[in-house]
Amino acid sequence: MNLYLALMRRELGSYFASLIGYVIIGMSLFLIGVSFSNLLGLLNTRPTDVPASELFFKSWYFWLILLLTTPLLTMRSYALEKSTGTFETLTTTPVGEWEIVLAKFSSAMVVHMLIWLPPMLCLLGVRWYASDIAGVGEGTVASTFLGIVLVGAFYLAMGCFASSLTSSQSIAAMLSFAMGAGMFLLSYWVLYAPDQLGTLAPVLSRYSLIEHMQDFARGVLDTRHLVFYASLILLFLYLTRKVLESRRWK
């Protein structure tokens, strides 16, 4: 446990020892601020019958931020270590593969949550000024934040796996972006063009990230969604561990 915490502190420090962490957080908060401003303008002009949290995640800003930040947060995880030669030093120390994988994943998750916590607090702030407080209730905002954390954790796990496959940060970011964009496009296809999928539409709808987020944004906690994300996160972390294990024996 001490080794895991030490590695996690090291990884968190790497985000803020250079400009990369500040640039990612600053860029994300700027786009979130624009999205939030547009949301408030929408709520002021016409009434809506859906929670404000659902309107927030339905904007293209949300998915753009998610698709851009997760590859940037994870591209350095293993690729930078390999390119600078510190990866061999790390793997020869008395540290297990799971400790390395979980420490890098956890540190990226901390930054991810730091990015998305302020807009959730802003949504709660709207509660003081909204006429319909049910649309921005604490429970709805909490479930929305949980959904964002789970979707982000899935994308970060994919990003860590992509970074473990290469020593190039650019290639790692592109692989992570391609996998994340593929999942998003599949979700978009299932939601807005189900007729083109025929009999596969009901099956693929279970893998739609957009439909999952709709439930979270409405305050619905479905155990199937929790199991879905937990399984995929563990799968990609396990694959990352296997890649590290294979390099240790080379």
Protein backbone atom coordinates (compact mmCIF):
# COMPACT_ATOMS: atom_id res chain seq x y z
CA MET A 1 0.00 0.00 0.00
CA ASN A 2 2.86 2.39 0.81
CA LEU A 3 4.47 1.69 -2.57
CA TYR A 4 1.17 2.34 -4.32
CA LEU A 5 0.70 5.69 -2.53
CA ALA A 6 4.31 6.68 -3.27
CA LEU A 7 3.86 5.87 -6.96
CA MET A 8 0.57 7.74 -7.06
CA ARG A 9 2.17 10.86 -5.54
CA ARG A 10 4.94 10.58 -8.11
CA GLU A 11 2.44 10.36 -10.96
CA LEU A 12 0.34 13.25 -9.66
CA GLY A 13 3.48 15.32 -9.32
CA SER A 14 4.36 14.65 -12.96
CA TYR A 15 1.11 16.29 -14.09
CA PHE A 16 1.81 19.51 -12.23
CA ALA A 17 5.61 19.62 -12.43
CA SER A 18 5.22 20.73 -16.04
CA LEU A 19 2.59 22.76 -17.89
CA ILE A 20 0.73 19.71 -19.22
CA GLY A 21 -1.56 19.34 -16.20
CA TYR A 22 -2.40 23.05 -16.03
CA VAL A 23 -3.01 23.26 -19.78
CA ILE A 24 -5.38 20.26 -19.76
CA ILE A 25 -7.33 21.53 -16.75
CA GLY A 26 -7.42 25.11 -18.05
CA MET A 27 -8.54 24.09 -21.54
CA SER A 28 -11.22 21.79 -20.12
CA LEU A 29 -12.58 24.36 -17.69
CA PHE A 30 -12.72 26.96 -20.45
CA LEU A 31 -14.84 24.67 -22.67
CA ILE A 32 -16.97 23.64 -19.69
CA GLY A 33 -17.51 27.32 -18.87
CA VAL A 34 -18.67 28.03 -22.43
CA SER A 35 -21.00 25.03 -22.28
CA PHE A 36 -22.37 26.10 -18.91
CA SER A 37 -22.95 29.64 -20.16
CA ASN A 38 -24.89 28.27 -23.15
CA LEU A 39 -26.91 26.07 -20.79
CA LEU A 40 -27.89 29.03 -18.61
CA GLY A 41 -28.87 31.00 -21.69
CA LEU A 42 -31.07 28.12 -22.83
CA LEU A 43 -32.76 27.83 -19.44
CA ASN A 44 -33.45 31.58 -19.40
CA THR A 45 -35.08 31.65 -22.84
CA ARG A 46 -37.43 28.66 -22.77
CA PRO A 47 -38.71 26.08 -20.29
CA THR A 48 -37.54 22.49 -20.40
CA ASP A 49 -38.99 19.24 -19.16
CA VAL A 50 -35.64 17.49 -18.61
CA PRO A 51 -33.12 17.95 -15.78
CA ALA A 52 -30.49 20.64 -16.30
CA SER A 53 -27.82 17.97 -15.81
CA GLU A 54 -29.13 16.10 -18.86
CA LEU A 55 -28.98 19.24 -20.97
CA PHE A 56 -25.39 19.75 -19.79
CA PHE A 57 -24.13 16.35 -20.89
CA LYS A 58 -26.12 16.38 -24.16
CA SER A 59 -24.05 19.27 -25.50
CA TRP A 60 -21.24 18.40 -27.88
CA TYR A 61 -18.85 20.18 -25.51
CA PHE A 62 -19.12 17.33 -23.01
CA TRP A 63 -18.09 14.60 -25.42
CA LEU A 64 -15.42 16.77 -27.06
CA ILE A 65 -13.81 17.45 -23.68
CA LEU A 66 -13.97 13.77 -22.76
CA LEU A 67 -12.50 12.62 -26.08
CA LEU A 68 -9.66 15.17 -25.91
CA THR A 69 -8.66 15.15 -22.24
CA THR A 70 -8.50 11.41 -21.59
CA PRO A 71 -5.84 10.71 -24.27
CA LEU A 72 -3.85 13.74 -23.07
CA LEU A 73 -3.99 12.55 -19.46
CA THR A 74 -2.85 9.01 -20.26
CA MET A 75 -0.48 9.37 -23.21
CA ARG A 76 2.48 10.00 -20.87
CA SER A 77 1.67 7.16 -18.48
CA TYR A 78 3.94 4.52 -20.03
CA ALA A 79 5.08 5.99 -23.35
CA LEU A 80 7.11 8.73 -21.66
CA GLU A 81 8.71 6.22 -19.29
CA LYS A 82 9.73 4.05 -22.24
CA SER A 83 11.07 6.91 -24.36
CA THR A 84 13.18 8.32 -21.51
CA GLY A 85 14.44 4.92 -20.32
CA THR A 86 12.96 5.18 -16.81
CA PHE A 87 10.48 2.37 -17.45
CA GLU A 88 13.17 -0.31 -17.11
CA THR A 89 14.29 1.23 -13.83
CA LEU A 90 10.71 1.23 -12.56
CA THR A 91 10.09 -2.40 -13.49
CA THR A 92 13.31 -3.60 -11.87
CA THR A 93 12.34 -2.15 -8.49
CA PRO A 94 10.39 -4.31 -6.01
CA VAL A 95 7.06 -2.99 -7.26
CA GLY A 96 4.32 -5.22 -8.65
CA GLU A 97 2.66 -4.64 -12.00
CA TRP A 98 -0.71 -4.04 -10.36
CA GLU A 99 0.75 -1.32 -8.14
CA ILE A 100 2.19 0.45 -11.19
CA VAL A 101 -1.03 0.11 -13.20
CA LEU A 102 -3.33 1.24 -10.38
CA ALA A 103 -1.08 4.15 -9.37
CA LYS A 104 -0.96 5.57 -12.90
CA PHE A 105 -4.67 5.00 -13.43
CA SER A 106 -5.62 6.51 -10.05
CA SER A 107 -3.55 9.64 -10.59
CA ALA A 108 -5.22 10.22 -13.97
CA MET A 109 -8.60 9.69 -12.29
CA VAL A 110 -7.82 12.34 -9.67
CA VAL A 111 -7.08 14.92 -12.39
CA HIS A 112 -10.20 13.84 -14.28
CA MET A 113 -12.36 14.40 -11.20
CA LEU A 114 -10.69 17.76 -10.53
CA ILE A 115 -11.75 18.83 -14.02
CA TRP A 116 -15.39 17.85 -13.61
CA LEU A 117 -16.03 18.74 -9.98
CA PRO A 118 -16.36 22.55 -10.54
CA PRO A 119 -19.19 22.28 -13.13
CA MET A 120 -21.09 19.94 -10.81
CA LEU A 121 -20.80 22.53 -8.04
CA CYS A 122 -21.98 25.18 -10.50
CA LEU A 123 -25.04 23.06 -11.28
CA LEU A 124 -25.82 22.97 -7.57
CA GLY A 125 -25.36 26.75 -7.48
CA VAL A 126 -28.08 27.10 -10.10
CA ARG A 127 -30.44 25.53 -7.55
CA TRP A 128 -30.55 28.83 -5.66
CA TYR A 129 -31.80 30.72 -8.72
CA ALA A 130 -33.84 28.14 -10.65
CA SER A 131 -37.60 28.19 -10.31
CA ASP A 132 -37.78 24.40 -10.75
CA ILE A 133 -35.25 23.08 -8.26
CA ALA A 134 -36.07 19.44 -9.10
CA GLY A 135 -34.09 19.82 -12.31
CA VAL A 136 -30.89 20.48 -10.39
CA GLY A 137 -31.39 18.46 -7.22
CA GLU A 138 -28.46 17.08 -5.22
CA GLY A 139 -29.31 13.49 -6.12
CA THR A 140 -29.46 14.20 -9.85
CA VAL A 141 -26.18 16.11 -9.82
CA ALA A 142 -24.50 13.36 -7.76
CA SER A 143 -25.63 10.63 -10.16
CA THR A 144 -24.49 12.75 -13.12
CA PHE A 145 -21.06 13.16 -11.54
CA LEU A 146 -20.93 9.41 -10.93
CA GLY A 147 -21.70 8.81 -14.60
CA ILE A 148 -18.98 11.22 -15.68
CA VAL A 149 -16.50 9.51 -13.35
CA LEU A 150 -17.37 6.05 -14.69
CA VAL A 151 -17.28 7.02 -18.36
CA GLY A 152 -14.02 8.88 -17.76
CA ALA A 153 -12.54 5.92 -15.91
CA PHE A 154 -13.38 3.68 -18.87
CA TYR A 155 -11.72 6.08 -21.31
CA LEU A 156 -8.70 6.50 -19.03
CA ALA A 157 -8.30 2.71 -18.74
CA MET A 158 -8.31 2.51 -22.54
CA GLY A 159 -5.78 5.33 -22.66
CA CYS A 160 -3.45 3.58 -20.20
CA PHE A 161 -3.64 0.43 -22.31
CA ALA A 162 -2.84 2.41 -25.47
CA SER A 163 0.12 4.10 -23.77
CA SER A 164 1.52 0.73 -22.62
CA LEU A 165 1.70 -0.47 -26.24
CA THR A 166 4.09 2.18 -27.54
CA SER A 167 6.96 4.46 -26.62
CA SER A 168 5.50 7.39 -28.59
CA GLN A 169 3.18 9.75 -26.75
CA SER A 170 1.63 10.91 -30.03
CA ILE A 171 0.80 7.36 -31.11
CA ALA A 172 -0.56 6.57 -27.64
CA ALA A 173 -2.84 9.63 -27.80
CA MET A 174 -4.05 8.74 -31.29
CA LEU A 175 -4.77 5.12 -30.33
CA SER A 176 -6.66 6.24 -27.25
CA PHE A 177 -8.62 8.84 -29.21
CA ALA A 178 -9.48 6.32 -31.94
CA MET A 179 -10.83 3.79 -29.43
CA GLY A 180 -12.79 6.45 -27.55
CA ALA A 181 -14.19 7.98 -30.74
CA GLY A 182 -15.19 4.52 -31.95
CA MET A 183 -17.22 3.89 -28.80
CA PHE A 184 -18.84 7.32 -29.05
CA LEU A 185 -19.75 6.92 -32.74
CA LEU A 186 -21.24 3.50 -32.03
CA SER A 187 -23.33 5.04 -29.23
CA TYR A 188 -24.42 7.89 -31.51
CA TRP A 189 -25.33 5.46 -34.29
CA VAL A 190 -27.41 3.30 -31.97
CA LEU A 191 -29.29 6.31 -30.56
CA TYR A 192 -29.99 8.30 -33.72
CA ALA A 193 -29.98 5.70 -36.52
CA PRO A 194 -31.20 2.41 -34.99
CA ASP A 195 -33.08 1.43 -38.17
CA GLN A 196 -29.78 1.02 -40.01
CA LEU A 197 -28.65 -1.59 -37.49
CA GLY A 198 -31.69 -3.81 -37.82
CA THR A 199 -31.85 -6.63 -35.30
CA LEU A 200 -28.50 -5.59 -33.80
CA ALA A 201 -29.92 -2.31 -32.46
CA PRO A 202 -31.37 -3.75 -29.19
CA VAL A 203 -28.10 -5.56 -28.47
CA LEU A 204 -25.81 -2.63 -29.27
CA SER A 205 -27.99 -0.22 -27.30
CA ARG A 206 -26.71 -1.89 -24.14
CA TYR A 207 -23.24 -0.60 -25.03
CA SER A 208 -24.36 2.95 -25.81
CA LEU A 209 -22.48 5.41 -23.63
CA ILE A 210 -24.97 8.15 -24.50
CA GLU A 211 -27.93 6.12 -23.25
CA HIS A 212 -26.02 5.26 -20.07
CA MET A 213 -25.32 8.93 -19.44
CA GLN A 214 -28.98 9.77 -20.03
CA ASP A 215 -29.92 7.50 -17.12
CA PHE A 216 -27.22 8.94 -14.86
CA ALA A 217 -28.21 12.52 -15.76
CA ARG A 218 -31.83 11.74 -14.87
CA GLY A 219 -30.85 10.42 -11.46
CA VAL A 220 -31.32 6.75 -12.39
CA LEU A 221 -28.73 4.36 -10.95
CA ASP A 222 -28.92 1.11 -12.90
CA THR A 223 -26.69 -1.69 -11.61
CA ARG A 224 -26.26 -2.92 -15.18
CA HIS A 225 -24.44 0.30 -16.04
CA LEU A 226 -22.22 -0.02 -12.97
CA VAL A 227 -21.31 -3.62 -13.85
CA PHE A 228 -20.73 -2.63 -17.49
CA TYR A 229 -18.19 0.06 -16.65
CA ALA A 230 -16.54 -1.88 -13.84
CA SER A 231 -16.03 -4.85 -16.18
CA LEU A 232 -14.53 -2.77 -19.00
CA ILE A 233 -12.29 -0.80 -16.66
CA LEU A 234 -10.94 -3.98 -15.08
CA LEU A 235 -10.51 -5.56 -18.53
CA PHE A 236 -8.33 -2.74 -19.87
CA LEU A 237 -6.35 -2.48 -16.65
CA TYR A 238 -5.75 -6.24 -16.81
CA LEU A 239 -4.61 -5.95 -20.43
CA THR A 240 -2.26 -3.13 -19.42
CA ARG A 241 -0.83 -5.31 -16.68
CA LYS A 242 -0.27 -8.16 -19.13
CA VAL A 243 1.64 -5.81 -21.45
CA LEU A 244 3.87 -4.73 -18.55
CA GLU A 245 4.34 -8.33 -17.51
CA SER A 246 5.41 -9.32 -21.02
CA ARG A 247 8.02 -6.55 -21.10
CA ARG A 248 9.43 -7.63 -17.74
CA TRP A 249 10.20 -11.08 -19.14
CA LYS A 250 11.81 -9.83 -22.38
